[in-house]
Amino acid sequence: MTPRPATASARSVDEYRDTVAALLAPLADRQDEQVPVPGALGRVLAADVLSPIDLPVFRNSAMDGYAVRAADVAVTPVELPVAGVIAAGRAGPELPAGSALKVMTGAPMPPGADCVIPVEDVQAGPQRIVVERGRGRGEFVREAGTDVRVGALVARAGTVLAPRHIAALAAVGLPTVPVLTRLRAVCLTTGDELRPAGSELAPGQIFNSNGIALAAALRADEVDVVDIAHSTDDPARFIAALHAATAAADVVFTSGGVSKGDFEVVKDVLEPLGGTFGSVAVQPGGPQGYTVVDGVPVLSFPGNPVSTMVSYAVFARPAIRALGGLPPAPTGETTLLTPLRSPAGRRQFLRGLRTDDGVEVIGGPGSHLIAGMAWADVLVDVPAEVTSLGVGAPVRILSL
């Protein structure tokens, strides 16, 4: 799909989400990479992984005890001489008839033995044991390949590797695995008023939170954020920062400078370069823009903190997660616990806190209320045609 130019009227949320997906679609064409298994947690497998070995690799004891022949302990109690000890990591001798070999958990089963008597079931002397309870063939014996056979599937392509997968990959001896290459992103904020954390603020200045927030959202979706950059409202400085960003990244996110004010540097610079800027029928996050610069897609969000975060969650996150091989962010339907009002003609995404009984709208609708958003775990999706909802109404939610 090719992104369409903006129209005079505001686009719908779904239309603009599709536009963003189309803009980012070419990023699906990228190479896989091999990464060491210990560092593969959270990565997405690019191909099926087959076991190069049988697991267990050899017959071994499932208990600390004594390897015997089941026929020798069919009638108990019975006294047997102990012919030796087999520790884990060492091969033992063949089991002499009518005797026992002491074995540790995980130690190789000696040839001739077909079961293990746990230490709890014997009276042990210096060189002899009395077996008080017999065992059948195969009891407490782990046969080779009973976990996985050589050539069998260990993990399927598309799996998001969790600790349990890492354990299995390590157990079959794989040093590396093929994973999807992470997208590389740069977050570029604009504004003369922005200062880094730890600075002393002068009148009219604020801390630069949007770049850090966007980077955190991207990293949560397994994107490699290579830089969190900032530009003033000077066009020359912005274009220089933008070219540096496109040289380093697969996709660039800008925040600020996209509305209808006097110092909208992002819009002013990118529109002459073919950028499309306009309104989406949404609150917060109405002003939106996109451009391709140096062959790299650039998504431009409004600068109010909540607008930036909601814009990412609603418009970019679905495509970003799909490109990374991740499942969609969870959505669902629940019961509204607080009444709400919404502007006609705009699809509103309110911050909400989910409970066992439903969802409570928290904080106000203002796009500057970023601290209040920290208490939310979902967005409450209010359709554009709905202007009010009462307690008990069903609502759609999107996980943050």
Protein backbone atom coordinates (compact mmCIF):
# COMPACT_ATOMS: atom_id res chain seq x y z
CA MET A 1 0.00 0.00 0.00
CA THR A 2 1.29 3.49 -0.84
CA PRO A 3 0.59 6.25 1.70
CA ARG A 4 -2.01 8.68 0.40
CA PRO A 5 -1.60 12.45 0.53
CA ALA A 6 -3.49 14.22 3.25
CA THR A 7 -6.93 15.51 2.47
CA ALA A 8 -8.47 18.74 3.65
CA SER A 9 -10.61 16.92 6.21
CA ALA A 10 -9.19 15.09 9.18
CA ARG A 11 -8.32 11.45 8.61
CA SER A 12 -9.80 8.71 10.71
CA VAL A 13 -7.63 6.84 13.20
CA ASP A 14 -7.85 3.61 11.23
CA GLU A 15 -6.95 5.35 7.97
CA TYR A 16 -3.89 6.99 9.45
CA ARG A 17 -2.79 3.79 11.18
CA ASP A 18 -2.91 2.07 7.78
CA THR A 19 -0.90 4.92 6.28
CA VAL A 20 1.81 4.48 8.90
CA ALA A 21 1.86 0.72 8.34
CA ALA A 22 2.33 1.28 4.60
CA LEU A 23 5.10 3.79 5.21
CA LEU A 24 6.99 1.32 7.40
CA ALA A 25 6.24 -1.81 5.35
CA PRO A 26 9.53 -1.71 3.37
CA LEU A 27 11.41 -2.18 6.65
CA ALA A 28 10.30 -5.82 6.65
CA ASP A 29 12.99 -6.50 4.02
CA ARG A 30 16.05 -6.86 6.26
CA GLN A 31 18.55 -9.60 7.02
CA ASP A 32 18.43 -11.98 9.97
CA GLU A 33 21.36 -12.26 12.36
CA GLN A 34 22.98 -14.84 14.58
CA VAL A 35 23.21 -13.94 18.26
CA PRO A 36 24.70 -15.85 21.19
CA VAL A 37 22.09 -17.87 23.05
CA PRO A 38 22.80 -16.18 26.43
CA GLY A 39 21.96 -12.80 24.86
CA ALA A 40 18.90 -13.93 22.90
CA LEU A 41 16.29 -13.30 25.61
CA GLY A 42 13.34 -11.38 24.14
CA ARG A 43 14.54 -11.79 20.56
CA VAL A 44 12.34 -13.31 17.86
CA LEU A 45 13.51 -16.51 16.17
CA ALA A 46 13.95 -16.09 12.43
CA ALA A 47 13.87 -19.82 11.64
CA ASP A 48 12.94 -23.14 13.19
CA VAL A 49 15.67 -24.46 15.49
CA LEU A 50 16.35 -28.22 15.41
CA SER A 51 18.27 -30.16 18.02
CA PRO A 52 21.78 -31.22 16.97
CA ILE A 53 21.82 -33.94 19.64
CA ASP A 54 19.69 -36.39 21.57
CA LEU A 55 18.70 -35.10 24.99
CA PRO A 56 19.53 -36.69 27.36
CA VAL A 57 22.74 -37.41 25.49
CA PHE A 58 23.19 -40.78 27.27
CA ARG A 59 21.35 -43.10 29.67
CA ASN A 60 21.70 -41.65 33.16
CA SER A 61 20.43 -41.99 36.67
CA ALA A 62 17.47 -39.90 37.76
CA MET A 63 18.34 -40.35 41.45
CA ASP A 64 21.19 -40.66 43.87
CA GLY A 65 21.19 -44.38 44.49
CA TYR A 66 22.40 -47.72 43.24
CA ALA A 67 22.36 -49.08 39.70
CA VAL A 68 21.28 -52.72 39.64
CA ARG A 69 19.63 -55.36 37.52
CA ALA A 70 15.88 -55.48 38.22
CA ALA A 71 16.05 -59.27 38.25
CA ASP A 72 18.51 -59.13 41.17
CA VAL A 73 16.07 -57.14 43.35
CA ALA A 74 12.83 -58.86 42.36
CA VAL A 75 12.59 -60.39 45.84
CA THR A 76 13.38 -58.16 48.78
CA PRO A 77 15.02 -57.67 51.14
CA VAL A 78 18.18 -58.71 49.34
CA GLU A 79 21.85 -58.05 50.08
CA LEU A 80 24.19 -56.99 47.24
CA PRO A 81 27.88 -56.12 47.16
CA VAL A 82 28.77 -52.58 45.99
CA ALA A 83 31.28 -52.83 43.13
CA GLY A 84 32.14 -49.11 42.91
CA VAL A 85 30.90 -45.53 42.57
CA ILE A 86 29.99 -43.59 39.40
CA ALA A 87 29.98 -39.80 39.70
CA ALA A 88 28.29 -37.39 37.31
CA GLY A 89 30.55 -36.68 34.35
CA ARG A 90 32.33 -40.03 34.49
CA ALA A 91 31.63 -43.28 32.69
CA GLY A 92 31.50 -46.34 34.92
CA PRO A 93 32.43 -49.97 34.47
CA GLU A 94 30.01 -52.69 33.43
CA LEU A 95 27.82 -53.83 36.29
CA PRO A 96 28.91 -57.26 37.57
CA ALA A 97 26.10 -59.77 37.91
CA GLY A 98 24.49 -59.91 41.33
CA SER A 99 25.96 -56.62 42.53
CA ALA A 100 25.31 -52.87 42.61
CA LEU A 101 27.15 -49.72 41.55
CA LYS A 102 26.57 -46.52 43.49
CA VAL A 103 25.46 -43.71 41.11
CA MET A 104 24.86 -39.99 41.49
CA THR A 105 21.98 -38.10 39.82
CA GLY A 106 22.90 -37.51 36.18
CA ALA A 107 25.71 -40.05 36.18
CA PRO A 108 25.89 -42.48 33.23
CA MET A 109 24.11 -45.76 33.77
CA PRO A 110 26.62 -48.63 33.71
CA PRO A 111 26.22 -51.28 31.02
CA GLY A 112 24.17 -54.17 32.37
CA ALA A 113 22.11 -52.07 34.83
CA ASP A 114 18.45 -51.45 34.04
CA CYS A 115 17.10 -49.64 37.12
CA VAL A 116 18.17 -47.51 40.07
CA ILE A 117 17.39 -48.10 43.72
CA PRO A 118 17.12 -44.73 45.53
CA VAL A 119 19.35 -44.32 48.59
CA GLU A 120 16.19 -44.02 50.69
CA ASP A 121 15.31 -47.64 49.88
CA VAL A 122 18.52 -49.27 51.08
CA GLN A 123 20.48 -49.91 54.25
CA ALA A 124 24.03 -49.07 53.25
CA GLY A 125 27.19 -50.55 54.70
CA PRO A 126 30.83 -49.90 53.76
CA GLN A 127 30.85 -52.39 50.88
CA ARG A 128 27.38 -53.92 50.83
CA ILE A 129 23.76 -52.75 50.76
CA VAL A 130 20.48 -54.29 51.76
CA VAL A 131 17.74 -53.43 49.26
CA GLU A 132 14.46 -53.14 51.08
CA ARG A 133 12.29 -52.33 48.05
CA GLY A 134 12.81 -53.64 44.53
CA ARG A 135 12.36 -51.67 41.30
CA GLY A 136 11.25 -52.65 37.81
CA ARG A 137 13.20 -52.25 34.57
CA GLY A 138 13.62 -48.58 33.64
CA GLU A 139 12.69 -47.08 37.02
CA PHE A 140 14.70 -43.93 37.76
CA VAL A 141 16.57 -44.30 34.48
CA ARG A 142 16.60 -41.48 31.93
CA GLU A 143 16.98 -42.98 28.47
CA ALA A 144 18.87 -41.10 25.77
CA GLY A 145 16.59 -38.97 23.58
CA THR A 146 13.53 -39.13 25.83
CA ASP A 147 13.46 -35.31 26.05
CA VAL A 148 14.28 -34.52 22.43
CA ARG A 149 15.73 -36.48 19.51
CA VAL A 150 18.43 -35.24 17.17
CA GLY A 151 16.72 -33.29 14.37
CA ALA A 152 13.57 -32.62 16.42
CA LEU A 153 12.09 -29.12 16.75
CA VAL A 154 13.31 -27.22 19.81
CA ALA A 155 11.77 -23.81 19.07
CA ARG A 156 9.62 -22.57 16.21
CA ALA A 157 10.27 -19.56 13.96
CA GLY A 158 8.48 -16.50 15.30
CA THR A 159 8.93 -17.50 18.94
CA VAL A 160 9.71 -14.62 21.28
CA LEU A 161 12.48 -16.21 23.31
CA ALA A 162 11.66 -16.49 27.00
CA PRO A 163 13.91 -17.94 29.73
CA ARG A 164 12.44 -21.42 29.17
CA HIS A 165 13.46 -21.31 25.50
CA ILE A 166 16.97 -20.12 26.38
CA ALA A 167 17.27 -23.08 28.76
CA ALA A 168 16.32 -25.57 26.03
CA LEU A 169 18.63 -24.00 23.44
CA ALA A 170 21.53 -24.08 25.87
CA ALA A 171 20.80 -27.68 26.87
CA VAL A 172 21.19 -28.92 23.30
CA GLY A 173 24.50 -27.09 23.01
CA LEU A 174 23.65 -24.33 20.53
CA PRO A 175 26.09 -21.40 20.83
CA THR A 176 24.01 -19.05 18.64
CA VAL A 177 20.51 -18.80 17.15
CA PRO A 178 19.07 -16.93 14.14
CA VAL A 179 16.88 -13.99 15.15
CA LEU A 180 15.13 -11.14 13.39
CA THR A 181 17.34 -8.08 13.17
CA ARG A 182 16.01 -5.33 15.39
CA LEU A 183 14.83 -2.13 13.78
CA ARG A 184 17.12 0.83 14.49
CA ALA A 185 15.39 4.06 15.50
CA VAL A 186 16.33 7.61 16.41
CA CYS A 187 14.07 9.78 18.58
CA LEU A 188 14.50 13.46 17.67
CA THR A 189 12.76 16.10 19.78
CA THR A 190 12.56 19.78 18.88
CA GLY A 191 12.07 22.96 20.83
CA ASP A 192 14.13 25.86 22.18
CA GLU A 193 12.45 25.37 25.55
CA LEU A 194 13.71 21.83 26.15
CA ARG A 195 16.52 21.11 28.60
CA PRO A 196 18.08 17.79 29.69
CA ALA A 197 17.33 16.25 33.07
CA GLY A 198 19.53 17.65 35.81
CA SER A 199 19.66 21.12 34.28
CA GLU A 200 18.55 24.23 36.11
CA LEU A 201 15.45 25.51 34.37
CA ALA A 202 15.15 29.15 33.36
CA PRO A 203 11.71 30.77 33.03
CA GLY A 204 9.77 29.19 30.14
CA GLN A 205 11.94 26.07 29.99
CA ILE A 206 10.91 22.44 30.59
CA PHE A 207 12.69 19.11 30.83
CA ASN A 208 12.98 17.09 27.64
CA SER A 209 10.89 14.00 28.41
CA ASN A 210 9.48 13.05 25.00
CA GLY A 211 12.64 11.61 23.52
CA ILE A 212 13.27 9.49 26.60
CA ALA A 213 9.63 8.37 26.72
CA LEU A 214 9.54 7.46 23.03
CA ALA A 215 12.81 5.56 23.34
CA ALA A 216 11.42 3.58 26.27
CA ALA A 217 8.28 2.68 24.29
CA LEU A 218 10.37 1.57 21.33
CA ARG A 219 12.75 -0.49 23.44
CA ALA A 220 9.77 -2.19 25.07
CA ASP A 221 8.84 -3.28 21.54
CA GLU A 222 12.35 -4.67 20.90
CA VAL A 223 13.57 -1.72 18.80
CA ASP A 224 17.23 -0.71 18.99
CA VAL A 225 17.18 3.01 19.81
CA VAL A 226 20.56 4.22 18.54
CA ASP A 227 20.16 7.85 19.61
CA ILE A 228 17.91 10.21 21.55
CA ALA A 229 18.61 13.55 19.87
CA HIS A 230 17.41 17.11 20.29
CA SER A 231 17.29 20.13 17.99
CA THR A 232 16.38 23.73 18.60
CA ASP A 233 13.73 25.42 16.47
CA ASP A 234 16.41 26.65 14.07
CA PRO A 235 15.71 25.05 10.63
CA ALA A 236 19.39 24.59 9.79
CA ARG A 237 20.07 22.80 13.04
CA PHE A 238 16.99 20.64 12.65
CA ILE A 239 17.82 19.49 9.12
CA ALA A 240 21.39 18.71 10.20
CA ALA A 241 20.11 16.65 13.13
CA LEU A 242 17.61 14.91 10.87
CA HIS A 243 20.24 13.87 8.30
CA ALA A 244 22.40 12.53 11.13
CA ALA A 245 19.39 10.54 12.35
CA THR A 246 18.52 9.06 8.94
CA ALA A 247 22.16 8.04 8.47
CA ALA A 248 22.01 5.98 11.67
CA ALA A 249 18.48 4.55 11.70
CA ASP A 250 15.86 2.57 9.81
CA VAL A 251 13.12 4.86 11.10
CA VAL A 252 13.11 8.28 12.75
CA PHE A 253 10.51 9.61 15.19
CA THR A 254 10.22 13.35 15.75
CA SER A 255 8.26 15.05 18.49
CA GLY A 256 7.04 18.65 18.30
CA GLY A 257 6.82 21.26 15.57
CA VAL A 258 3.93 19.80 13.58
CA SER A 259 0.95 22.01 14.39
CA LYS A 260 -0.14 25.48 13.19
CA GLY A 261 1.95 27.77 15.39
CA ASP A 262 4.66 30.23 14.38
CA PHE A 263 7.65 28.00 15.17
CA GLU A 264 6.69 24.62 13.70
CA VAL A 265 10.20 23.70 12.53
CA VAL A 266 9.46 20.06 11.66
CA LYS A 267 6.50 20.90 9.46
CA ASP A 268 8.20 23.96 7.93
CA VAL A 269 11.31 21.99 6.95
CA LEU A 270 9.74 18.70 5.89
CA GLU A 271 6.73 19.87 3.87
CA PRO A 272 8.99 21.27 1.10
CA LEU A 273 10.81 17.90 1.12
CA GLY A 274 7.57 16.05 0.34
CA GLY A 275 6.27 15.62 3.86
CA THR A 276 2.55 15.20 4.48
CA PHE A 277 1.12 17.02 7.47
CA GLY A 278 -2.48 17.29 8.58
CA SER A 279 -5.05 16.38 11.18
CA VAL A 280 -6.33 13.05 12.40
CA ALA A 281 -9.74 12.90 14.07
CA VAL A 282 -8.29 11.85 17.41
CA GLN A 283 -7.71 13.29 20.86
CA PRO A 284 -4.97 13.58 21.95
CA GLY A 285 -2.57 13.61 18.99
CA GLY A 286 -4.52 15.36 16.23
CA PRO A 287 -1.59 16.95 14.31
CA GLN A 288 0.44 14.27 12.53
CA GLY A 289 3.01 14.11 9.77
CA TYR A 290 5.15 11.69 7.79
CA THR A 291 8.01 12.03 5.33
CA VAL A 292 10.66 9.92 3.66
CA VAL A 293 14.09 11.54 4.04
CA ASP A 294 17.24 9.94 2.59
CA GLY A 295 15.13 6.83 1.98
CA VAL A 296 14.22 6.59 5.67
CA PRO A 297 10.63 6.95 6.96
CA VAL A 298 10.17 9.82 9.40
CA LEU A 299 7.09 9.88 11.64
CA SER A 300 6.33 13.25 13.21
CA PHE A 301 4.23 13.40 16.36
CA PRO A 302 2.91 16.44 18.23
CA GLY A 303 5.02 17.70 21.11
CA ASN A 304 2.64 17.50 24.05
CA PRO A 305 3.91 14.54 26.11
CA VAL A 306 0.70 12.53 26.25
CA SER A 307 0.06 13.22 22.56
CA THR A 308 3.48 11.80 21.73
CA MET A 309 2.94 8.64 23.75
CA VAL A 310 -0.62 8.05 22.54
CA SER A 311 0.45 8.69 18.94
CA TYR A 312 3.09 5.99 19.21
CA ALA A 313 0.74 3.51 20.91
CA VAL A 314 -2.13 4.01 18.46
CA PHE A 315 -0.44 4.72 15.13
CA ALA A 316 3.08 3.29 15.16
CA ARG A 317 3.16 0.47 17.68
CA PRO A 318 1.02 -1.98 15.66
CA ALA A 319 3.36 -1.77 12.66
CA ILE A 320 6.52 -1.71 14.78
CA ARG A 321 5.54 -4.87 16.65
CA ALA A 322 4.49 -6.64 13.44
CA LEU A 323 7.81 -5.78 11.79
CA GLY A 324 9.64 -7.13 14.83
CA GLY A 325 7.71 -10.41 14.79
CA LEU A 326 5.95 -9.59 18.05
CA PRO A 327 2.26 -10.23 18.77
CA PRO A 328 -0.07 -7.22 18.80
CA ALA A 329 -0.38 -5.26 22.02
CA PRO A 330 -3.27 -6.72 24.04
CA THR A 331 -6.70 -5.23 23.53
CA GLY A 332 -10.05 -6.15 24.98
CA GLU A 333 -13.44 -5.03 26.21
CA THR A 334 -14.38 -4.26 29.78
CA THR A 335 -16.86 -2.27 31.87
CA LEU A 336 -16.55 1.46 32.45
CA LEU A 337 -16.40 2.37 36.16
CA THR A 338 -16.49 6.16 35.79
CA PRO A 339 -18.69 8.29 33.50
CA LEU A 340 -16.99 10.17 30.69
CA ARG A 341 -17.60 12.79 28.05
CA SER A 342 -15.89 12.95 24.67
CA PRO A 343 -15.78 15.56 21.87
CA ALA A 344 -18.03 14.82 18.91
CA GLY A 345 -16.22 13.72 15.77
CA ARG A 346 -12.97 12.75 17.47
CA ARG A 347 -11.96 9.29 18.60
CA GLN A 348 -10.65 9.81 22.11
CA PHE A 349 -8.07 7.73 23.94
CA LEU A 350 -8.38 8.33 27.67
CA ARG A 351 -5.98 7.01 30.25
CA GLY A 352 -7.43 4.25 32.39
CA LEU A 353 -6.59 1.88 35.22
CA ARG A 354 -7.94 -1.62 34.89
CA THR A 355 -9.31 -3.43 37.95
CA ASP A 356 -11.08 -6.74 38.52
CA ASP A 357 -14.40 -4.92 38.07
CA GLY A 358 -13.60 -2.92 34.93
CA VAL A 359 -11.68 0.22 34.00
CA GLU A 360 -11.52 3.54 35.79
CA VAL A 361 -10.69 6.68 33.82
CA ILE A 362 -7.91 8.51 35.65
CA GLY A 363 -6.57 12.03 35.24
CA GLY A 364 -7.97 14.57 32.84
CA PRO A 365 -8.00 14.49 29.02
CA GLY A 366 -5.26 17.15 28.75
CA SER A 367 -2.35 16.20 26.51
CA HIS A 368 0.15 17.67 28.99
CA LEU A 369 -0.78 15.41 31.92
CA ILE A 370 2.13 12.98 31.56
CA ALA A 371 2.61 12.35 35.30
CA GLY A 372 -1.04 11.32 35.55
CA MET A 373 -0.49 8.88 32.70
CA ALA A 374 2.01 7.01 34.86
CA TRP A 375 -0.91 5.68 36.92
CA ALA A 376 -2.66 4.25 33.85
CA ASP A 377 -2.13 0.81 32.35
CA VAL A 378 -4.59 1.04 29.44
CA LEU A 379 -6.06 3.50 26.99
CA VAL A 380 -9.85 3.69 26.92
CA ASP A 381 -10.92 3.82 23.26
CA VAL A 382 -13.98 6.04 22.82
CA PRO A 383 -15.44 6.03 19.27
CA ALA A 384 -15.68 9.32 17.37
CA GLU A 385 -19.47 9.25 17.32
CA VAL A 386 -19.80 8.81 21.10
CA THR A 387 -20.05 11.95 23.23
CA SER A 388 -20.77 10.44 26.64
CA LEU A 389 -20.79 7.09 28.41
CA GLY A 390 -22.16 6.11 31.80
CA VAL A 391 -20.97 3.72 34.46
CA GLY A 392 -21.44 0.13 33.32
CA ALA A 393 -21.03 0.87 29.62
CA PRO A 394 -18.83 -1.56 27.65
CA VAL A 395 -15.61 0.02 26.38
CA ARG A 396 -12.64 -1.09 24.33
CA ILE A 397 -9.20 -0.85 25.92
CA LEU A 398 -5.64 -0.96 24.62
CA SER A 399 -2.81 -2.02 26.91
CA LEU A 400 -0.04 0.49 27.47
